[in-house]
Amino acid sequence: MTEHRGLDLVALEKFLSESGVPLDGELRAELISGGKSNLTYAIFDDSSRWVLRRPPTAGLTPSAHDVAREFRVTSALQATSVPVAATVALCEDDSVMGAPFTVVEHVTGQVIRTQTELDALSDREIDSCVDELVRVIGDLHNVDYSAVGLGEFGRPDGYVARQVKLWAGQWARVKTEDSADVDRLHAALAESVPAQSESSIVHGDYRIDNTILSAGDVTKVAAVVDWELSTLGDPLTDVALMCVYREPAFDLVLGEAAAWTSPRMPSADDLAQRYTVASGRELKNWNFYLALANFKLAVIAQGIHHRYRAGATAAEGFDKAGESVPVLVAAGLHALKGKSA
């Protein structure tokens, strides 16, 4: 068997067999994504195909790699209008492979990650695809979380204030040097926390490449993926982060020219307006939410930089992530200069 970082196929085969998952032949694996977020592998035998996700092997920011959370939320969303992969198994016993991991069914479709992949689409396809993406996130925010068994999935009251504190704590874990601007942004956010707008399930990392589009139709979402940051909270945090991901500096975080930063995509303001129309929600205190989203993304970028320096990434393209941090922090400070909306 080929050796893969953080993956023991012998142990996995034993776990799946004991969990009642039918297997047909020797398990094999292919790396899908290694290091920016969780390690993600395609797992297959002679007749079936699954996807396994586990945290990186070093440099952890704990809430950013919680695979058990994504398993729980996607299990709860199975019967809703939000498309997700069918869940198969969750292992929370670190002794099996050194960390928790999840296994879900493989979803056939396409993922548009890069600007090159996006350029294969027509303008009409891109516009319809964005409408579908906005509709799906709006549907998620409208799910009755208590009715699907997620009433205890998070604490929506005080969520925004806790987010400010959480990401400041994550910064302290992964910073490689002090930053006066990061301290300023954190302090300004802490002083500007608005009353929460509404409570909903929030994805925490929503954009085009965290969805699988239907194989023959990019205007339909087959599954939303990467749920490890999901919780109960303020839906406007999801919307703001989706908009901030349009920042060109995001290319440095991903290590490639991202589809979501392409000039062919609608602007951040356009995305926000489409969400308002689709959901009926007003974007109150919008500048605060944009500033918080920039802060969060800056900390995520720093976490990638931290893992790169520790040699804990399993793919190329991580060496520039740290350069995006001051750009994102500056954008956050700029957003807070006005307190309109």
C-alpha atoms as a PDB file:
ATOM      1  CA  MET A   1       0.000   0.000   0.000  1.00  0.00           C
ATOM      2  CA  THR A   2       1.186   3.528  -0.742  1.00  0.00           C
ATOM      3  CA  GLU A   3       2.025   5.529   2.387  1.00  0.00           C
ATOM      4  CA  HIS A   4       0.059   8.745   2.923  1.00  0.00           C
ATOM      5  CA  ARG A   5       0.569  11.391   5.597  1.00  0.00           C
ATOM      6  CA  GLY A   6      -1.865  10.927   8.492  1.00  0.00           C
ATOM      7  CA  LEU A   7      -3.534   7.903   6.897  1.00  0.00           C
ATOM      8  CA  ASP A   8      -3.216   4.228   7.903  1.00  0.00           C
ATOM      9  CA  LEU A   9      -5.168   2.119   5.425  1.00  0.00           C
ATOM     10  CA  VAL A  10      -4.797  -1.077   7.457  1.00  0.00           C
ATOM     11  CA  ALA A  11      -6.283   0.617  10.517  1.00  0.00           C
ATOM     12  CA  LEU A  12      -8.972   2.240   8.377  1.00  0.00           C
ATOM     13  CA  GLU A  13      -9.985  -1.080   6.828  1.00  0.00           C
ATOM     14  CA  LYS A  14     -10.337  -2.616  10.297  1.00  0.00           C
ATOM     15  CA  PHE A  15     -12.384   0.369  11.541  1.00  0.00           C
ATOM     16  CA  LEU A  16     -14.751   0.346   8.560  1.00  0.00           C
ATOM     17  CA  SER A  17     -15.262  -3.419   8.809  1.00  0.00           C
ATOM     18  CA  GLU A  18     -16.050  -3.142  12.521  1.00  0.00           C
ATOM     19  CA  SER A  19     -18.437  -0.256  11.737  1.00  0.00           C
ATOM     20  CA  GLY A  20     -20.436  -2.481   9.391  1.00  0.00           C
ATOM     21  CA  VAL A  21     -19.312  -0.856   6.128  1.00  0.00           C
ATOM     22  CA  PRO A  22     -19.170  -3.502   3.354  1.00  0.00           C
ATOM     23  CA  LEU A  23     -15.746  -3.669   1.689  1.00  0.00           C
ATOM     24  CA  ASP A  24     -14.763  -5.254  -1.595  1.00  0.00           C
ATOM     25  CA  GLY A  25     -11.020  -5.775  -1.964  1.00  0.00           C
ATOM     26  CA  GLU A  26      -8.014  -3.825  -0.722  1.00  0.00           C
ATOM     27  CA  LEU A  27      -8.465  -0.171   0.230  1.00  0.00           C
ATOM     28  CA  ARG A  28      -6.554   2.425  -1.815  1.00  0.00           C
ATOM     29  CA  ALA A  29      -6.252   6.171  -1.368  1.00  0.00           C
ATOM     30  CA  GLU A  30      -5.562   9.357  -3.306  1.00  0.00           C
ATOM     31  CA  LEU A  31      -4.818  12.740  -1.740  1.00  0.00           C
ATOM     32  CA  ILE A  32      -7.479  15.326  -2.635  1.00  0.00           C
ATOM     33  CA  SER A  33      -6.321  18.200  -0.417  1.00  0.00           C
ATOM     34  CA  GLY A  34      -3.419  18.294   1.967  1.00  0.00           C
ATOM     35  CA  GLY A  35      -2.602  21.093   4.350  1.00  0.00           C
ATOM     36  CA  LYS A  36      -4.638  24.245   3.742  1.00  0.00           C
ATOM     37  CA  SER A  37      -7.396  22.868   5.940  1.00  0.00           C
ATOM     38  CA  ASN A  38      -8.072  19.247   6.814  1.00  0.00           C
ATOM     39  CA  LEU A  39      -6.302  16.414   5.034  1.00  0.00           C
ATOM     40  CA  THR A  40      -8.811  14.973   2.554  1.00  0.00           C
ATOM     41  CA  TYR A  41      -8.436  11.611   0.822  1.00  0.00           C
ATOM     42  CA  ALA A  42     -10.429   9.684  -1.743  1.00  0.00           C
ATOM     43  CA  ILE A  43     -10.729   6.124  -0.401  1.00  0.00           C
ATOM     44  CA  PHE A  44     -11.835   3.305  -2.665  1.00  0.00           C
ATOM     45  CA  ASP A  45     -12.002  -0.449  -2.978  1.00  0.00           C
ATOM     46  CA  ASP A  46     -13.016  -2.545  -5.984  1.00  0.00           C
ATOM     47  CA  SER A  47     -16.630  -1.342  -6.008  1.00  0.00           C
ATOM     48  CA  SER A  48     -17.117   1.718  -3.772  1.00  0.00           C
ATOM     49  CA  ARG A  49     -15.625   5.172  -3.273  1.00  0.00           C
ATOM     50  CA  TRP A  50     -15.639   7.361  -0.159  1.00  0.00           C
ATOM     51  CA  VAL A  51     -14.029  10.561   1.118  1.00  0.00           C
ATOM     52  CA  LEU A  52     -12.053  10.632   4.372  1.00  0.00           C
ATOM     53  CA  ARG A  53     -11.157  13.824   6.238  1.00  0.00           C
ATOM     54  CA  ARG A  54      -8.884  14.299   9.244  1.00  0.00           C
ATOM     55  CA  PRO A  55      -7.026  17.268  10.794  1.00  0.00           C
ATOM     56  CA  PRO A  56      -3.515  18.267   9.661  1.00  0.00           C
ATOM     57  CA  THR A  57      -0.657  16.537  11.442  1.00  0.00           C
ATOM     58  CA  ALA A  58       0.699  19.718  13.111  1.00  0.00           C
ATOM     59  CA  GLY A  59       0.034  23.419  13.664  1.00  0.00           C
ATOM     60  CA  LEU A  60      -3.581  22.960  14.716  1.00  0.00           C
ATOM     61  CA  THR A  61      -6.051  25.752  15.336  1.00  0.00           C
ATOM     62  CA  PRO A  62      -8.537  23.482  17.136  1.00  0.00           C
ATOM     63  CA  SER A  63     -11.909  24.875  15.999  1.00  0.00           C
ATOM     64  CA  ALA A  64     -10.678  25.114  12.404  1.00  0.00           C
ATOM     65  CA  HIS A  65     -10.243  21.329  12.023  1.00  0.00           C
ATOM     66  CA  ASP A  66     -13.202  19.842  13.892  1.00  0.00           C
ATOM     67  CA  VAL A  67     -14.226  16.971  11.634  1.00  0.00           C
ATOM     68  CA  ALA A  68     -16.715  15.630  14.194  1.00  0.00           C
ATOM     69  CA  ARG A  69     -18.673  18.871  13.903  1.00  0.00           C
ATOM     70  CA  GLU A  70     -18.973  18.614  10.151  1.00  0.00           C
ATOM     71  CA  PHE A  71     -20.102  15.001  10.447  1.00  0.00           C
ATOM     72  CA  ARG A  72     -22.816  15.964  12.910  1.00  0.00           C
ATOM     73  CA  VAL A  73     -24.164  18.890  10.890  1.00  0.00           C
ATOM     74  CA  THR A  74     -24.146  17.051   7.555  1.00  0.00           C
ATOM     75  CA  SER A  75     -25.915  14.092   9.165  1.00  0.00           C
ATOM     76  CA  ALA A  76     -28.617  16.478  10.396  1.00  0.00           C
ATOM     77  CA  LEU A  77     -28.994  18.143   6.993  1.00  0.00           C
ATOM     78  CA  GLN A  78     -29.638  14.918   5.071  1.00  0.00           C
ATOM     79  CA  ALA A  79     -33.393  15.513   4.725  1.00  0.00           C
ATOM     80  CA  THR A  80     -33.255  19.274   4.061  1.00  0.00           C
ATOM     81  CA  SER A  81     -32.958  21.299   0.845  1.00  0.00           C
ATOM     82  CA  VAL A  82     -29.253  21.857   1.572  1.00  0.00           C
ATOM     83  CA  PRO A  83     -27.307  19.328  -0.558  1.00  0.00           C
ATOM     84  CA  VAL A  84     -24.676  17.354   1.388  1.00  0.00           C
ATOM     85  CA  ALA A  85     -22.803  14.054   1.038  1.00  0.00           C
ATOM     86  CA  ALA A  86     -24.324  10.990   2.703  1.00  0.00           C
ATOM     87  CA  THR A  87     -22.488  10.290   5.967  1.00  0.00           C
ATOM     88  CA  VAL A  88     -20.910   6.865   6.543  1.00  0.00           C
ATOM     89  CA  ALA A  89     -18.778   6.770   9.728  1.00  0.00           C
ATOM     90  CA  LEU A  90     -17.196   8.980  12.379  1.00  0.00           C
ATOM     91  CA  CYS A  91     -14.138   7.932  14.411  1.00  0.00           C
ATOM     92  CA  GLU A  92     -13.345  10.024  17.489  1.00  0.00           C
ATOM     93  CA  ASP A  93     -10.802   7.549  18.894  1.00  0.00           C
ATOM     94  CA  ASP A  94      -7.347   9.062  18.329  1.00  0.00           C
ATOM     95  CA  SER A  95      -5.725   5.662  18.817  1.00  0.00           C
ATOM     96  CA  VAL A  96      -7.005   4.457  15.427  1.00  0.00           C
ATOM     97  CA  MET A  97      -5.114   6.949  13.241  1.00  0.00           C
ATOM     98  CA  GLY A  98      -3.770   9.613  15.579  1.00  0.00           C
ATOM     99  CA  ALA A  99      -6.730  11.993  15.184  1.00  0.00           C
ATOM    100  CA  PRO A 100     -10.498  11.933  14.648  1.00  0.00           C
ATOM    101  CA  PHE A 101     -11.660  11.319  11.090  1.00  0.00           C
ATOM    102  CA  THR A 102     -14.859  11.074   9.084  1.00  0.00           C
ATOM    103  CA  VAL A 103     -15.929   9.000   6.116  1.00  0.00           C
ATOM    104  CA  VAL A 104     -18.711  10.069   3.743  1.00  0.00           C
ATOM    105  CA  GLU A 105     -19.949   8.821   0.401  1.00  0.00           C
ATOM    106  CA  HIS A 106     -18.222  10.188  -2.678  1.00  0.00           C
ATOM    107  CA  VAL A 107     -20.353  12.718  -4.578  1.00  0.00           C
ATOM    108  CA  THR A 108     -19.973  12.702  -8.341  1.00  0.00           C
ATOM    109  CA  GLY A 109     -19.564  16.201  -9.711  1.00  0.00           C
ATOM    110  CA  GLN A 110     -17.077  18.955 -10.373  1.00  0.00           C
ATOM    111  CA  VAL A 111     -15.269  21.423  -8.155  1.00  0.00           C
ATOM    112  CA  ILE A 112     -14.348  24.800  -9.648  1.00  0.00           C
ATOM    113  CA  ARG A 113     -11.249  25.889  -7.724  1.00  0.00           C
ATOM    114  CA  THR A 114      -9.097  27.915 -10.096  1.00  0.00           C
ATOM    115  CA  GLN A 115      -9.577  30.796 -12.487  1.00  0.00           C
ATOM    116  CA  THR A 116      -8.497  28.507 -15.317  1.00  0.00           C
ATOM    117  CA  GLU A 117     -11.335  26.109 -14.494  1.00  0.00           C
ATOM    118  CA  LEU A 118     -13.772  29.000 -14.202  1.00  0.00           C
ATOM    119  CA  ASP A 119     -12.718  30.334 -17.604  1.00  0.00           C
ATOM    120  CA  ALA A 120     -14.173  27.219 -19.218  1.00  0.00           C
ATOM    121  CA  LEU A 121     -17.629  28.540 -18.270  1.00  0.00           C
ATOM    122  CA  SER A 122     -19.696  31.118 -20.089  1.00  0.00           C
ATOM    123  CA  ASP A 123     -20.740  34.380 -18.455  1.00  0.00           C
ATOM    124  CA  ARG A 124     -24.317  33.101 -18.265  1.00  0.00           C
ATOM    125  CA  GLU A 125     -23.202  29.888 -16.549  1.00  0.00           C
ATOM    126  CA  ILE A 126     -21.174  31.846 -13.999  1.00  0.00           C
ATOM    127  CA  ASP A 127     -24.073  34.187 -13.259  1.00  0.00           C
ATOM    128  CA  SER A 128     -26.535  31.306 -12.814  1.00  0.00           C
ATOM    129  CA  CYS A 129     -24.018  29.374 -10.728  1.00  0.00           C
ATOM    130  CA  VAL A 130     -23.592  32.326  -8.355  1.00  0.00           C
ATOM    131  CA  ASP A 131     -27.362  32.655  -8.023  1.00  0.00           C
ATOM    132  CA  GLU A 132     -27.505  28.973  -7.072  1.00  0.00           C
ATOM    133  CA  LEU A 133     -24.671  29.330  -4.547  1.00  0.00           C
ATOM    134  CA  VAL A 134     -26.432  32.277  -2.914  1.00  0.00           C
ATOM    135  CA  ARG A 135     -29.726  30.390  -2.874  1.00  0.00           C
ATOM    136  CA  VAL A 136     -28.109  27.403  -1.137  1.00  0.00           C
ATOM    137  CA  ILE A 137     -26.499  29.480   1.609  1.00  0.00           C
ATOM    138  CA  GLY A 138     -29.823  31.248   2.083  1.00  0.00           C
ATOM    139  CA  ASP A 139     -31.565  27.858   2.385  1.00  0.00           C
ATOM    140  CA  LEU A 140     -29.014  26.803   5.003  1.00  0.00           C
ATOM    141  CA  HIS A 141     -29.691  29.921   7.046  1.00  0.00           C
ATOM    142  CA  ASN A 142     -33.427  29.180   6.869  1.00  0.00           C
ATOM    143  CA  VAL A 143     -33.163  25.600   8.192  1.00  0.00           C
ATOM    144  CA  ASP A 144     -34.989  25.137  11.500  1.00  0.00           C
ATOM    145  CA  TYR A 145     -31.970  23.879  13.400  1.00  0.00           C
ATOM    146  CA  SER A 146     -33.967  22.639  16.368  1.00  0.00           C
ATOM    147  CA  ALA A 147     -36.233  20.599  14.100  1.00  0.00           C
ATOM    148  CA  VAL A 148     -33.247  18.766  12.552  1.00  0.00           C
ATOM    149  CA  GLY A 149     -31.696  17.967  15.928  1.00  0.00           C
ATOM    150  CA  LEU A 150     -29.108  20.750  16.104  1.00  0.00           C
ATOM    151  CA  GLY A 151     -30.620  22.781  18.902  1.00  0.00           C
ATOM    152  CA  GLU A 152     -27.513  22.135  21.019  1.00  0.00           C
ATOM    153  CA  PHE A 153     -25.032  22.459  18.137  1.00  0.00           C
ATOM    154  CA  GLY A 154     -23.888  25.891  19.302  1.00  0.00           C
ATOM    155  CA  ARG A 155     -24.778  28.916  21.412  1.00  0.00           C
ATOM    156  CA  PRO A 156     -26.199  31.568  19.070  1.00  0.00           C
ATOM    157  CA  ASP A 157     -26.556  34.137  21.845  1.00  0.00           C
ATOM    158  CA  GLY A 158     -23.345  36.151  22.040  1.00  0.00           C
ATOM    159  CA  TYR A 159     -21.924  34.370  19.007  1.00  0.00           C
ATOM    160  CA  VAL A 160     -20.348  37.431  17.376  1.00  0.00           C
ATOM    161  CA  ALA A 161     -18.549  38.532  20.538  1.00  0.00           C
ATOM    162  CA  ARG A 162     -17.228  35.003  21.003  1.00  0.00           C
ATOM    163  CA  GLN A 163     -16.017  34.961  17.396  1.00  0.00           C
ATOM    164  CA  VAL A 164     -13.927  38.065  18.025  1.00  0.00           C
ATOM    165  CA  LYS A 165     -12.416  36.432  21.107  1.00  0.00           C
ATOM    166  CA  LEU A 166     -11.984  33.051  19.401  1.00  0.00           C
ATOM    167  CA  TRP A 167     -10.021  34.338  16.421  1.00  0.00           C
ATOM    168  CA  ALA A 168      -7.847  36.482  18.660  1.00  0.00           C
ATOM    169  CA  GLY A 169      -7.046  33.312  20.592  1.00  0.00           C
ATOM    170  CA  GLN A 170      -6.287  31.448  17.376  1.00  0.00           C
ATOM    171  CA  TRP A 171      -3.925  34.246  16.357  1.00  0.00           C
ATOM    172  CA  ALA A 172      -2.035  33.820  19.624  1.00  0.00           C
ATOM    173  CA  ARG A 173      -1.547  30.119  18.809  1.00  0.00           C
ATOM    174  CA  VAL A 174      -0.220  30.533  15.276  1.00  0.00           C
ATOM    175  CA  LYS A 175       1.488  33.935  15.139  1.00  0.00           C
ATOM    176  CA  THR A 176       5.175  33.949  14.306  1.00  0.00           C
ATOM    177  CA  GLU A 177       5.675  37.545  15.464  1.00  0.00           C
ATOM    178  CA  ASP A 178       3.647  40.295  17.146  1.00  0.00           C
ATOM    179  CA  SER A 179       1.581  42.676  15.017  1.00  0.00           C
ATOM    180  CA  ALA A 180       0.361  46.068  16.241  1.00  0.00           C
ATOM    181  CA  ASP A 181      -2.208  46.183  13.407  1.00  0.00           C
ATOM    182  CA  VAL A 182      -3.683  42.821  14.396  1.00  0.00           C
ATOM    183  CA  ASP A 183      -3.942  44.063  17.982  1.00  0.00           C
ATOM    184  CA  ARG A 184      -5.642  47.257  16.753  1.00  0.00           C
ATOM    185  CA  LEU A 185      -8.134  45.341  14.645  1.00  0.00           C
ATOM    186  CA  HIS A 186      -8.953  42.966  17.476  1.00  0.00           C
ATOM    187  CA  ALA A 187      -9.466  45.833  19.919  1.00  0.00           C
ATOM    188  CA  ALA A 188     -11.645  47.773  17.445  1.00  0.00           C
ATOM    189  CA  LEU A 189     -13.795  44.717  16.765  1.00  0.00           C
ATOM    190  CA  ALA A 190     -14.205  44.011  20.477  1.00  0.00           C
ATOM    191  CA  GLU A 191     -15.413  47.590  20.994  1.00  0.00           C
ATOM    192  CA  SER A 192     -17.841  47.492  18.044  1.00  0.00           C
ATOM    193  CA  VAL A 193     -19.763  44.243  18.519  1.00  0.00           C
ATOM    194  CA  PRO A 194     -23.349  44.855  17.368  1.00  0.00           C
ATOM    195  CA  ALA A 195     -26.522  43.204  18.552  1.00  0.00           C
ATOM    196  CA  GLN A 196     -26.879  39.895  16.754  1.00  0.00           C
ATOM    197  CA  SER A 197     -29.165  39.961  13.719  1.00  0.00           C
ATOM    198  CA  GLU A 198     -30.566  36.430  13.671  1.00  0.00           C
ATOM    199  CA  SER A 199     -29.631  32.886  14.617  1.00  0.00           C
ATOM    200  CA  SER A 200     -29.048  30.112  12.104  1.00  0.00           C
ATOM    201  CA  ILE A 201     -26.743  27.291  11.147  1.00  0.00           C
ATOM    202  CA  VAL A 202     -23.624  28.930   9.737  1.00  0.00           C
ATOM    203  CA  HIS A 203     -21.218  27.113   7.423  1.00  0.00           C
ATOM    204  CA  GLY A 204     -18.197  29.237   8.294  1.00  0.00           C
ATOM    205  CA  ASP A 205     -16.278  28.811   5.007  1.00  0.00           C
ATOM    206  CA  TYR A 206     -18.678  29.222   2.101  1.00  0.00           C
ATOM    207  CA  ARG A 207     -17.600  29.849  -1.488  1.00  0.00           C
ATOM    208  CA  ILE A 208     -17.695  28.071  -4.848  1.00  0.00           C
ATOM    209  CA  ASP A 209     -14.814  25.634  -4.215  1.00  0.00           C
ATOM    210  CA  ASN A 210     -16.382  24.411  -0.980  1.00  0.00           C
ATOM    211  CA  THR A 211     -19.212  23.009  -3.054  1.00  0.00           C
ATOM    212  CA  ILE A 212     -19.426  20.174  -5.544  1.00  0.00           C
ATOM    213  CA  LEU A 213     -21.349  21.260  -8.625  1.00  0.00           C
ATOM    214  CA  SER A 214     -23.384  18.769 -10.629  1.00  0.00           C
ATOM    215  CA  ALA A 215     -21.292  16.940 -13.204  1.00  0.00           C
ATOM    216  CA  GLY A 216     -23.281  18.138 -16.186  1.00  0.00           C
ATOM    217  CA  ASP A 217     -24.672  21.411 -14.867  1.00  0.00           C
ATOM    218  CA  VAL A 218     -22.603  24.009 -13.019  1.00  0.00           C
ATOM    219  CA  THR A 219     -25.776  25.892 -12.141  1.00  0.00           C
ATOM    220  CA  LYS A 220     -26.753  23.158  -9.632  1.00  0.00           C
ATOM    221  CA  VAL A 221     -24.974  22.363  -6.348  1.00  0.00           C
ATOM    222  CA  ALA A 222     -24.651  18.614  -5.743  1.00  0.00           C
ATOM    223  CA  ALA A 223     -23.133  18.977  -2.253  1.00  0.00           C
ATOM    224  CA  VAL A 224     -21.785  21.607   0.115  1.00  0.00           C
ATOM    225  CA  VAL A 225     -18.540  20.418   1.731  1.00  0.00           C
ATOM    226  CA  ASP A 226     -15.959  21.579   4.332  1.00  0.00           C
ATOM    227  CA  TRP A 227     -18.253  22.007   7.338  1.00  0.00           C
ATOM    228  CA  GLU A 228     -15.640  21.890  10.121  1.00  0.00           C
ATOM    229  CA  LEU A 229     -16.260  25.542  11.092  1.00  0.00           C
ATOM    230  CA  SER A 230     -20.040  25.179  11.173  1.00  0.00           C
ATOM    231  CA  THR A 231     -22.075  26.058  14.258  1.00  0.00           C
ATOM    232  CA  LEU A 232     -25.143  28.015  15.337  1.00  0.00           C
ATOM    233  CA  GLY A 233     -24.554  31.730  15.004  1.00  0.00           C
ATOM    234  CA  ASP A 234     -25.157  34.872  13.011  1.00  0.00           C
ATOM    235  CA  PRO A 235     -25.883  34.255   9.311  1.00  0.00           C
ATOM    236  CA  LEU A 236     -24.308  37.574   8.337  1.00  0.00           C
ATOM    237  CA  THR A 237     -20.890  36.209   9.326  1.00  0.00           C
ATOM    238  CA  ASP A 238     -21.273  33.637   6.542  1.00  0.00           C
ATOM    239  CA  VAL A 239     -22.303  36.267   4.015  1.00  0.00           C
ATOM    240  CA  ALA A 240     -19.480  38.648   4.926  1.00  0.00           C
ATOM    241  CA  LEU A 241     -16.828  35.944   4.658  1.00  0.00           C
ATOM    242  CA  MET A 242     -18.208  34.863   1.290  1.00  0.00           C
ATOM    243  CA  CYS A 243     -17.792  38.476   0.152  1.00  0.00           C
ATOM    244  CA  VAL A 244     -14.317  38.961   1.659  1.00  0.00           C
ATOM    245  CA  TYR A 245     -13.128  35.847  -0.177  1.00  0.00           C
ATOM    246  CA  ARG A 246     -13.404  38.007  -3.321  1.00  0.00           C
ATOM    247  CA  GLU A 247     -10.274  39.894  -2.111  1.00  0.00           C
ATOM    248  CA  PRO A 248      -7.359  39.218  -4.538  1.00  0.00           C
ATOM    249  CA  ALA A 249      -5.053  38.517  -1.571  1.00  0.00           C
ATOM    250  CA  PHE A 250      -7.051  35.322  -1.076  1.00  0.00           C
ATOM    251  CA  ASP A 251      -4.996  33.879  -3.942  1.00  0.00           C
ATOM    252  CA  LEU A 252      -1.985  33.962  -1.615  1.00  0.00           C
ATOM    253  CA  VAL A 253      -3.913  31.999   1.012  1.00  0.00           C
ATOM    254  CA  LEU A 254      -4.872  29.273  -1.441  1.00  0.00           C
ATOM    255  CA  GLY A 255      -1.561  29.308  -3.306  1.00  0.00           C
ATOM    256  CA  GLU A 256      -3.230  29.663  -6.695  1.00  0.00           C
ATOM    257  CA  ALA A 257      -5.396  32.007  -8.772  1.00  0.00           C
ATOM    258  CA  ALA A 258      -8.730  31.131  -7.177  1.00  0.00           C
ATOM    259  CA  ALA A 259     -11.995  30.950  -9.074  1.00  0.00           C
ATOM    260  CA  TRP A 260     -13.702  33.020  -6.385  1.00  0.00           C
ATOM    261  CA  THR A 261     -11.285  35.950  -6.823  1.00  0.00           C
ATOM    262  CA  SER A 262     -11.755  36.052 -10.612  1.00  0.00           C
ATOM    263  CA  PRO A 263     -12.867  39.394 -12.077  1.00  0.00           C
ATOM    264  CA  ARG A 264     -15.504  37.405 -13.947  1.00  0.00           C
ATOM    265  CA  MET A 265     -17.287  36.752 -10.658  1.00  0.00           C
ATOM    266  CA  PRO A 266     -19.777  39.291  -9.295  1.00  0.00           C
ATOM    267  CA  SER A 267     -18.315  41.911  -6.964  1.00  0.00           C
ATOM    268  CA  ALA A 268     -18.552  41.585  -3.204  1.00  0.00           C
ATOM    269  CA  ASP A 269     -21.260  44.264  -3.188  1.00  0.00           C
ATOM    270  CA  ASP A 270     -23.194  42.344  -5.850  1.00  0.00           C
ATOM    271  CA  LEU A 271     -22.947  39.133  -3.840  1.00  0.00           C
ATOM    272  CA  ALA A 272     -24.252  40.900  -0.750  1.00  0.00           C
ATOM    273  CA  GLN A 273     -27.158  42.362  -2.707  1.00  0.00           C
ATOM    274  CA  ARG A 274     -28.057  38.990  -4.210  1.00  0.00           C
ATOM    275  CA  TYR A 275     -28.137  37.487  -0.728  1.00  0.00           C
ATOM    276  CA  THR A 276     -30.387  40.271   0.541  1.00  0.00           C
ATOM    277  CA  VAL A 277     -32.833  39.662  -2.309  1.00  0.00           C
ATOM    278  CA  ALA A 278     -32.726  35.854  -1.959  1.00  0.00           C
ATOM    279  CA  SER A 279     -33.005  35.735   1.826  1.00  0.00           C
ATOM    280  CA  GLY A 280     -34.978  38.870   2.670  1.00  0.00           C
ATOM    281  CA  ARG A 281     -32.385  39.767   5.312  1.00  0.00           C
ATOM    282  CA  GLU A 282     -30.999  43.265   5.758  1.00  0.00           C
ATOM    283  CA  LEU A 283     -27.225  43.594   6.100  1.00  0.00           C
ATOM    284  CA  LYS A 284     -27.217  45.623   9.308  1.00  0.00           C
ATOM    285  CA  ASN A 285     -23.840  46.717  10.733  1.00  0.00           C
ATOM    286  CA  TRP A 286     -22.300  45.456   7.504  1.00  0.00           C
ATOM    287  CA  ASN A 287     -18.927  47.173   7.974  1.00  0.00           C
ATOM    288  CA  PHE A 288     -18.410  45.338  11.259  1.00  0.00           C
ATOM    289  CA  TYR A 289     -19.132  41.982   9.636  1.00  0.00           C
ATOM    290  CA  LEU A 290     -16.729  42.728   6.783  1.00  0.00           C
ATOM    291  CA  ALA A 291     -14.019  43.682   9.297  1.00  0.00           C
ATOM    292  CA  LEU A 292     -14.593  40.499  11.301  1.00  0.00           C
ATOM    293  CA  ALA A 293     -14.421  38.403   8.128  1.00  0.00           C
ATOM    294  CA  ASN A 294     -11.091  39.986   7.187  1.00  0.00           C
ATOM    295  CA  PHE A 295      -9.776  39.296  10.688  1.00  0.00           C
ATOM    296  CA  LYS A 296     -10.865  35.661  10.520  1.00  0.00           C
ATOM    297  CA  LEU A 297      -9.302  35.141   7.096  1.00  0.00           C
ATOM    298  CA  ALA A 298      -6.063  36.782   8.221  1.00  0.00           C
ATOM    299  CA  VAL A 299      -5.820  34.334  11.138  1.00  0.00           C
ATOM    300  CA  ILE A 300      -6.570  31.381   8.850  1.00  0.00           C
ATOM    301  CA  ALA A 301      -3.816  32.563   6.494  1.00  0.00           C
ATOM    302  CA  GLN A 302      -1.423  32.834   9.415  1.00  0.00           C
ATOM    303  CA  GLY A 303      -2.342  29.299  10.453  1.00  0.00           C
ATOM    304  CA  ILE A 304      -1.428  28.013   6.990  1.00  0.00           C
ATOM    305  CA  HIS A 305       1.848  29.948   7.187  1.00  0.00           C
ATOM    306  CA  HIS A 306       2.518  28.415  10.612  1.00  0.00           C
ATOM    307  CA  ARG A 307       1.972  24.881   9.295  1.00  0.00           C
ATOM    308  CA  TYR A 308       4.140  25.593   6.263  1.00  0.00           C
ATOM    309  CA  ARG A 309       7.011  26.700   8.482  1.00  0.00           C
ATOM    310  CA  ALA A 310       6.524  23.582  10.610  1.00  0.00           C
ATOM    311  CA  GLY A 311       6.713  21.345   7.521  1.00  0.00           C
ATOM    312  CA  ALA A 312       3.204  20.055   8.180  1.00  0.00           C
ATOM    313  CA  THR A 313       1.700  20.635   4.728  1.00  0.00           C
ATOM    314  CA  ALA A 314       1.365  17.837   2.190  1.00  0.00           C
ATOM    315  CA  ALA A 315       1.160  19.860  -1.028  1.00  0.00           C
ATOM    316  CA  GLU A 316       2.775  22.818  -2.785  1.00  0.00           C
ATOM    317  CA  GLY A 317       1.659  26.459  -2.824  1.00  0.00           C
ATOM    318  CA  PHE A 318       1.679  27.424   0.840  1.00  0.00           C
ATOM    319  CA  ASP A 319       4.783  29.611   0.965  1.00  0.00           C
ATOM    320  CA  LYS A 320       2.993  32.914   0.215  1.00  0.00           C
ATOM    321  CA  ALA A 321       0.042  32.636   2.624  1.00  0.00           C
ATOM    322  CA  GLY A 322       1.717  34.803   5.252  1.00  0.00           C
ATOM    323  CA  GLU A 323       1.996  37.706   2.793  1.00  0.00           C
ATOM    324  CA  SER A 324      -1.783  38.061   2.733  1.00  0.00           C
ATOM    325  CA  VAL A 325      -2.053  38.679   6.481  1.00  0.00           C
ATOM    326  CA  PRO A 326      -1.171  42.420   6.533  1.00  0.00           C
ATOM    327  CA  VAL A 327      -3.358  43.013   3.459  1.00  0.00           C
ATOM    328  CA  LEU A 328      -6.382  41.420   5.122  1.00  0.00           C
ATOM    329  CA  VAL A 329      -5.779  43.142   8.440  1.00  0.00           C
ATOM    330  CA  ALA A 330      -5.555  46.518   6.658  1.00  0.00           C
ATOM    331  CA  ALA A 331      -8.838  45.786   4.862  1.00  0.00           C
ATOM    332  CA  GLY A 332     -10.465  45.002   8.194  1.00  0.00           C
ATOM    333  CA  LEU A 333      -9.273  48.243   9.727  1.00  0.00           C
ATOM    334  CA  HIS A 334     -10.481  50.152   6.665  1.00  0.00           C
ATOM    335  CA  ALA A 335     -13.956  48.562   6.905  1.00  0.00           C
ATOM    336  CA  LEU A 336     -14.283  49.734  10.500  1.00  0.00           C
ATOM    337  CA  LYS A 337     -13.570  53.351   9.620  1.00  0.00           C
ATOM    338  CA  GLY A 338     -17.213  53.692   8.587  1.00  0.00           C
ATOM    339  CA  LYS A 339     -20.074  52.310  10.628  1.00  0.00           C
ATOM    340  CA  SER A 340     -22.833  52.629   8.103  1.00  0.00           C
ATOM    341  CA  ALA A 341     -25.392  50.024   7.138  1.00  0.00           C
END
